[in-house]
N, C-alpha and C. Protein backbone atom coordinates (compact mmCIF):
# COMPACT_ATOMS: atom_id res chain seq x y z
N MET A 1 -18.30 -8.35 1.14
CA MET A 1 -17.22 -7.53 0.62
C MET A 1 -16.31 -6.99 1.72
N ALA A 2 -16.87 -6.82 2.91
CA ALA A 2 -16.06 -6.30 4.00
C ALA A 2 -14.91 -7.24 4.34
N ILE A 3 -15.11 -8.52 4.08
CA ILE A 3 -14.05 -9.48 4.36
C ILE A 3 -12.82 -9.21 3.49
N ILE A 4 -13.03 -8.67 2.31
CA ILE A 4 -11.90 -8.34 1.44
C ILE A 4 -11.08 -7.22 2.07
N VAL A 5 -11.77 -6.23 2.63
CA VAL A 5 -11.06 -5.13 3.31
C VAL A 5 -10.27 -5.68 4.48
N SER A 6 -10.88 -6.59 5.25
CA SER A 6 -10.17 -7.21 6.37
C SER A 6 -8.96 -8.01 5.89
N PHE A 7 -9.14 -8.74 4.80
CA PHE A 7 -8.03 -9.51 4.24
C PHE A 7 -6.89 -8.60 3.81
N VAL A 8 -7.21 -7.50 3.14
CA VAL A 8 -6.18 -6.53 2.73
C VAL A 8 -5.49 -5.97 3.98
N GLY A 9 -6.26 -5.74 5.03
CA GLY A 9 -5.68 -5.25 6.28
C GLY A 9 -4.71 -6.24 6.88
N VAL A 10 -5.09 -7.51 6.93
CA VAL A 10 -4.20 -8.55 7.48
C VAL A 10 -2.94 -8.66 6.62
N PHE A 11 -3.12 -8.68 5.30
CA PHE A 11 -1.98 -8.78 4.39
C PHE A 11 -1.04 -7.58 4.57
N THR A 12 -1.61 -6.38 4.65
CA THR A 12 -0.80 -5.17 4.82
C THR A 12 -0.05 -5.20 6.14
N ALA A 13 -0.73 -5.60 7.20
CA ALA A 13 -0.07 -5.66 8.52
C ALA A 13 1.05 -6.71 8.52
N MET A 14 0.80 -7.85 7.87
CA MET A 14 1.84 -8.89 7.83
C MET A 14 3.06 -8.44 7.05
N ILE A 15 2.84 -7.82 5.88
CA ILE A 15 3.96 -7.32 5.09
C ILE A 15 4.72 -6.25 5.88
N GLY A 16 3.98 -5.38 6.56
CA GLY A 16 4.60 -4.35 7.37
C GLY A 16 5.43 -4.93 8.50
N LEU A 17 4.89 -5.93 9.17
CA LEU A 17 5.61 -6.55 10.28
C LEU A 17 6.88 -7.24 9.81
N ILE A 18 6.77 -7.98 8.72
CA ILE A 18 7.95 -8.65 8.16
C ILE A 18 9.00 -7.62 7.73
N SER A 19 8.54 -6.54 7.10
CA SER A 19 9.47 -5.50 6.63
C SER A 19 10.11 -4.75 7.79
N ALA A 20 9.38 -4.58 8.89
CA ALA A 20 9.94 -3.90 10.06
C ALA A 20 11.02 -4.75 10.72
N ILE A 21 10.79 -6.05 10.74
CA ILE A 21 11.75 -6.96 11.37
C ILE A 21 12.94 -7.23 10.46
N GLN A 22 12.67 -7.45 9.17
CA GLN A 22 13.71 -7.78 8.19
C GLN A 22 13.64 -6.85 6.98
N PRO A 23 14.07 -5.60 7.10
CA PRO A 23 13.98 -4.70 5.94
C PRO A 23 14.80 -5.19 4.75
N GLY A 24 15.85 -5.95 5.02
CA GLY A 24 16.67 -6.47 3.92
C GLY A 24 15.89 -7.42 3.02
N LEU A 25 14.98 -8.17 3.59
CA LEU A 25 14.14 -9.07 2.80
C LEU A 25 13.23 -8.26 1.87
N PHE A 26 12.64 -7.21 2.42
CA PHE A 26 11.78 -6.33 1.62
C PHE A 26 12.58 -5.67 0.51
N ILE A 27 13.77 -5.18 0.85
CA ILE A 27 14.63 -4.53 -0.14
C ILE A 27 14.98 -5.51 -1.25
N GLY A 28 15.30 -6.75 -0.89
CA GLY A 28 15.67 -7.75 -1.88
C GLY A 28 14.54 -8.07 -2.83
N VAL A 29 13.34 -8.24 -2.29
CA VAL A 29 12.19 -8.59 -3.14
C VAL A 29 11.77 -7.40 -3.98
N PHE A 30 11.60 -6.25 -3.36
CA PHE A 30 11.10 -5.07 -4.06
C PHE A 30 12.13 -4.50 -5.01
N GLY A 31 13.40 -4.59 -4.65
CA GLY A 31 14.46 -4.06 -5.48
C GLY A 31 14.68 -4.84 -6.77
N GLN A 32 14.20 -6.09 -6.81
CA GLN A 32 14.40 -6.91 -8.00
C GLN A 32 13.37 -6.63 -9.09
N LEU A 33 12.29 -5.95 -8.75
CA LEU A 33 11.28 -5.65 -9.76
C LEU A 33 11.86 -4.68 -10.79
N LYS A 34 11.55 -4.90 -12.04
CA LYS A 34 11.99 -3.99 -13.09
C LYS A 34 11.28 -2.66 -12.92
N SER A 35 11.94 -1.60 -13.33
CA SER A 35 11.39 -0.28 -13.12
C SER A 35 10.03 -0.09 -13.78
N SER A 36 9.84 -0.62 -14.98
CA SER A 36 8.54 -0.47 -15.63
C SER A 36 7.48 -1.29 -14.90
N SER A 37 7.86 -2.43 -14.37
CA SER A 37 6.93 -3.25 -13.60
C SER A 37 6.51 -2.54 -12.32
N ARG A 38 7.47 -1.93 -11.64
CA ARG A 38 7.15 -1.20 -10.41
C ARG A 38 6.20 -0.06 -10.69
N PHE A 39 6.43 0.64 -11.78
CA PHE A 39 5.62 1.81 -12.13
C PHE A 39 4.17 1.40 -12.37
N TRP A 40 3.96 0.44 -13.25
CA TRP A 40 2.60 0.04 -13.58
C TRP A 40 1.94 -0.72 -12.44
N ALA A 41 2.71 -1.48 -11.67
CA ALA A 41 2.14 -2.16 -10.51
C ALA A 41 1.65 -1.15 -9.48
N ALA A 42 2.39 -0.07 -9.31
CA ALA A 42 1.98 0.97 -8.36
C ALA A 42 0.66 1.61 -8.77
N ILE A 43 0.50 1.86 -10.03
CA ILE A 43 -0.73 2.49 -10.52
C ILE A 43 -1.90 1.51 -10.47
N ILE A 44 -1.70 0.33 -11.02
CA ILE A 44 -2.79 -0.64 -11.12
C ILE A 44 -3.25 -1.11 -9.74
N ALA A 45 -2.31 -1.39 -8.85
CA ALA A 45 -2.68 -1.85 -7.51
C ALA A 45 -3.50 -0.79 -6.78
N ARG A 46 -3.06 0.45 -6.85
CA ARG A 46 -3.81 1.52 -6.17
C ARG A 46 -5.21 1.67 -6.75
N ALA A 47 -5.33 1.63 -8.07
CA ALA A 47 -6.63 1.78 -8.70
C ALA A 47 -7.56 0.61 -8.36
N LEU A 48 -7.04 -0.62 -8.39
CA LEU A 48 -7.86 -1.78 -8.07
C LEU A 48 -8.31 -1.79 -6.61
N PHE A 49 -7.40 -1.44 -5.72
CA PHE A 49 -7.78 -1.37 -4.31
C PHE A 49 -8.80 -0.27 -4.07
N ALA A 50 -8.65 0.85 -4.76
CA ALA A 50 -9.61 1.95 -4.61
C ALA A 50 -11.01 1.50 -5.02
N VAL A 51 -11.12 0.87 -6.16
CA VAL A 51 -12.43 0.39 -6.63
C VAL A 51 -13.00 -0.63 -5.65
N THR A 52 -12.16 -1.55 -5.20
CA THR A 52 -12.60 -2.56 -4.24
C THR A 52 -13.10 -1.91 -2.96
N PHE A 53 -12.38 -0.91 -2.48
CA PHE A 53 -12.78 -0.25 -1.23
C PHE A 53 -14.08 0.53 -1.41
N PHE A 54 -14.26 1.17 -2.55
CA PHE A 54 -15.52 1.89 -2.79
C PHE A 54 -16.71 0.93 -2.81
N VAL A 55 -16.52 -0.23 -3.41
CA VAL A 55 -17.60 -1.22 -3.48
C VAL A 55 -17.86 -1.82 -2.10
N ALA A 56 -16.80 -2.06 -1.33
CA ALA A 56 -16.93 -2.73 -0.04
C ALA A 56 -17.33 -1.79 1.09
N ALA A 57 -17.14 -0.51 0.94
CA ALA A 57 -17.36 0.45 2.04
C ALA A 57 -18.72 0.34 2.71
N PRO A 58 -19.83 0.23 1.98
CA PRO A 58 -21.12 0.17 2.66
C PRO A 58 -21.28 -1.01 3.62
N ALA A 59 -20.54 -2.09 3.38
CA ALA A 59 -20.64 -3.27 4.24
C ALA A 59 -19.66 -3.24 5.41
N CYS A 60 -18.84 -2.21 5.50
CA CYS A 60 -17.81 -2.14 6.53
C CYS A 60 -18.31 -1.46 7.79
N ARG A 61 -17.59 -1.68 8.87
CA ARG A 61 -17.92 -1.08 10.16
C ARG A 61 -17.72 0.44 10.13
N PHE A 62 -16.68 0.89 9.45
CA PHE A 62 -16.37 2.32 9.35
C PHE A 62 -16.35 2.70 7.87
N PRO A 63 -17.51 2.81 7.24
CA PRO A 63 -17.52 3.05 5.79
C PRO A 63 -16.84 4.34 5.37
N ILE A 64 -16.96 5.39 6.18
CA ILE A 64 -16.35 6.67 5.80
C ILE A 64 -14.84 6.53 5.72
N VAL A 65 -14.25 5.74 6.61
CA VAL A 65 -12.80 5.52 6.58
C VAL A 65 -12.41 4.81 5.28
N ILE A 66 -13.19 3.83 4.90
CA ILE A 66 -12.88 3.07 3.68
C ILE A 66 -13.08 3.94 2.44
N TYR A 67 -14.12 4.78 2.44
CA TYR A 67 -14.30 5.72 1.32
C TYR A 67 -13.11 6.68 1.23
N ILE A 68 -12.66 7.18 2.36
CA ILE A 68 -11.52 8.11 2.37
C ILE A 68 -10.26 7.41 1.86
N VAL A 69 -10.02 6.19 2.33
CA VAL A 69 -8.86 5.43 1.86
C VAL A 69 -8.95 5.20 0.36
N GLY A 70 -10.14 4.86 -0.13
CA GLY A 70 -10.34 4.68 -1.57
C GLY A 70 -10.03 5.95 -2.35
N GLY A 71 -10.47 7.09 -1.83
CA GLY A 71 -10.18 8.37 -2.48
C GLY A 71 -8.70 8.68 -2.49
N ILE A 72 -8.05 8.40 -1.38
CA ILE A 72 -6.60 8.62 -1.30
C ILE A 72 -5.87 7.71 -2.29
N LEU A 73 -6.34 6.49 -2.43
CA LEU A 73 -5.71 5.56 -3.38
C LEU A 73 -5.86 6.02 -4.82
N ILE A 74 -7.02 6.56 -5.16
CA ILE A 74 -7.21 7.09 -6.52
C ILE A 74 -6.28 8.28 -6.74
N ALA A 75 -6.23 9.17 -5.75
CA ALA A 75 -5.33 10.33 -5.87
C ALA A 75 -3.88 9.88 -5.99
N ALA A 76 -3.51 8.84 -5.25
CA ALA A 76 -2.14 8.33 -5.31
C ALA A 76 -1.83 7.72 -6.68
N ALA A 77 -2.79 6.99 -7.25
CA ALA A 77 -2.58 6.40 -8.58
C ALA A 77 -2.39 7.49 -9.63
N ILE A 78 -3.21 8.53 -9.55
CA ILE A 78 -3.08 9.64 -10.49
C ILE A 78 -1.75 10.37 -10.29
N THR A 79 -1.37 10.55 -9.04
CA THR A 79 -0.10 11.23 -8.74
C THR A 79 1.09 10.44 -9.29
N VAL A 80 1.08 9.13 -9.10
CA VAL A 80 2.16 8.30 -9.62
C VAL A 80 2.22 8.42 -11.14
N LEU A 81 1.06 8.42 -11.78
CA LEU A 81 1.02 8.54 -13.24
C LEU A 81 1.58 9.89 -13.69
N ILE A 82 1.24 10.96 -12.98
CA ILE A 82 1.72 12.30 -13.33
C ILE A 82 3.22 12.44 -13.05
N VAL A 83 3.66 11.89 -11.93
CA VAL A 83 5.08 11.99 -11.55
C VAL A 83 5.96 11.31 -12.60
N GLY A 84 5.51 10.18 -13.09
CA GLY A 84 6.27 9.50 -14.14
C GLY A 84 7.18 8.43 -13.59
N GLN A 85 7.58 7.57 -14.50
CA GLN A 85 8.37 6.40 -14.14
C GLN A 85 9.75 6.75 -13.62
N GLN A 86 10.43 7.70 -14.26
CA GLN A 86 11.79 8.05 -13.83
C GLN A 86 11.82 8.60 -12.41
N ARG A 87 10.94 9.53 -12.12
CA ARG A 87 10.93 10.13 -10.78
C ARG A 87 10.50 9.11 -9.73
N LEU A 88 9.52 8.28 -10.08
CA LEU A 88 9.10 7.24 -9.13
C LEU A 88 10.25 6.29 -8.84
N ASN A 89 10.97 5.87 -9.87
CA ASN A 89 12.10 4.97 -9.66
C ASN A 89 13.20 5.63 -8.85
N SER A 90 13.44 6.91 -9.08
CA SER A 90 14.44 7.62 -8.29
C SER A 90 14.04 7.65 -6.82
N PHE A 91 12.76 7.92 -6.56
CA PHE A 91 12.28 7.96 -5.19
C PHE A 91 12.37 6.57 -4.55
N ILE A 92 11.96 5.54 -5.27
CA ILE A 92 12.00 4.18 -4.72
C ILE A 92 13.44 3.77 -4.43
N ASP A 93 14.36 4.06 -5.33
CA ASP A 93 15.77 3.73 -5.10
C ASP A 93 16.31 4.47 -3.88
N TRP A 94 15.94 5.74 -3.73
CA TRP A 94 16.35 6.52 -2.57
C TRP A 94 15.80 5.88 -1.30
N TRP A 95 14.54 5.51 -1.32
CA TRP A 95 13.86 4.94 -0.16
C TRP A 95 14.44 3.57 0.19
N LEU A 96 14.71 2.73 -0.82
CA LEU A 96 15.25 1.40 -0.57
C LEU A 96 16.67 1.45 0.01
N ALA A 97 17.36 2.55 -0.18
CA ALA A 97 18.71 2.70 0.35
C ALA A 97 18.71 3.09 1.84
N ARG A 98 17.55 3.23 2.44
CA ARG A 98 17.44 3.67 3.83
C ARG A 98 16.61 2.67 4.65
N PRO A 99 17.27 1.63 5.19
CA PRO A 99 16.55 0.62 5.95
C PRO A 99 15.78 1.18 7.16
N GLY A 100 16.32 2.22 7.78
CA GLY A 100 15.61 2.82 8.91
C GLY A 100 14.28 3.43 8.50
N LEU A 101 14.27 4.07 7.36
CA LEU A 101 13.04 4.67 6.83
C LEU A 101 12.06 3.57 6.42
N ILE A 102 12.58 2.47 5.91
CA ILE A 102 11.72 1.34 5.56
C ILE A 102 11.05 0.80 6.82
N ARG A 103 11.79 0.72 7.90
CA ARG A 103 11.20 0.22 9.16
C ARG A 103 10.09 1.14 9.66
N VAL A 104 10.31 2.44 9.60
CA VAL A 104 9.27 3.38 10.02
C VAL A 104 8.05 3.25 9.11
N SER A 105 8.28 3.18 7.82
CA SER A 105 7.18 3.00 6.86
C SER A 105 6.45 1.69 7.12
N ALA A 106 7.21 0.66 7.44
CA ALA A 106 6.61 -0.65 7.69
C ALA A 106 5.72 -0.62 8.93
N LEU A 107 6.16 0.08 9.96
CA LEU A 107 5.35 0.19 11.18
C LEU A 107 4.07 0.98 10.90
N LEU A 108 4.16 1.99 10.05
CA LEU A 108 2.95 2.70 9.64
C LEU A 108 2.03 1.76 8.85
N GLY A 109 2.62 0.89 8.06
CA GLY A 109 1.85 -0.12 7.32
C GLY A 109 1.14 -1.08 8.25
N VAL A 110 1.80 -1.47 9.34
CA VAL A 110 1.16 -2.34 10.33
C VAL A 110 -0.05 -1.63 10.93
N ALA A 111 0.12 -0.38 11.32
CA ALA A 111 -0.99 0.38 11.90
C ALA A 111 -2.13 0.54 10.90
N PHE A 112 -1.79 0.82 9.66
CA PHE A 112 -2.81 0.97 8.61
C PHE A 112 -3.53 -0.36 8.38
N GLY A 113 -2.79 -1.46 8.38
CA GLY A 113 -3.40 -2.77 8.21
C GLY A 113 -4.37 -3.10 9.33
N ILE A 114 -3.99 -2.74 10.55
CA ILE A 114 -4.89 -2.97 11.70
C ILE A 114 -6.14 -2.11 11.56
N LEU A 115 -6.00 -0.89 11.10
CA LEU A 115 -7.15 -0.02 10.86
C LEU A 115 -8.10 -0.65 9.84
N LEU A 116 -7.55 -1.16 8.74
CA LEU A 116 -8.38 -1.80 7.72
C LEU A 116 -9.05 -3.06 8.27
N LEU A 117 -8.31 -3.81 9.05
CA LEU A 117 -8.87 -5.01 9.64
C LEU A 117 -10.07 -4.68 10.54
N CYS A 118 -9.90 -3.67 11.37
CA CYS A 118 -11.00 -3.24 12.25
C CYS A 118 -12.18 -2.68 11.45
N ALA A 119 -11.89 -1.91 10.42
CA ALA A 119 -12.96 -1.32 9.62
C ALA A 119 -13.72 -2.37 8.84
N GLY A 120 -13.05 -3.40 8.41
CA GLY A 120 -13.70 -4.44 7.63
C GLY A 120 -14.37 -5.51 8.45
N ALA A 121 -14.03 -5.59 9.72
CA ALA A 121 -14.58 -6.65 10.58
C ALA A 121 -16.07 -6.48 10.83
């Protein structure tokens, strides 16, 4: 199961690196998703990753880190659900209009992906 955490880490780091180099590509792909799709994808992805991380944590090098990330993901899924689709879409539209902020977020994604890769290795 730890290999799944490492895979998520590699995928996250790659998406972050691509987004840092070409934020316009990220904006184009992410901006085309319908608002209802973005909303439910945000909730479902966070919940699925949280469950996966909780199951995989005991096999990881840094299980406490993976448990914490899983907890944060559950809290994030609940928060997105409480915030609602309109506010989430407003925030995403605001964020997508700022390529500089996307680059900073992407670099944080690269660092987070490397952390997951190391924890799952």
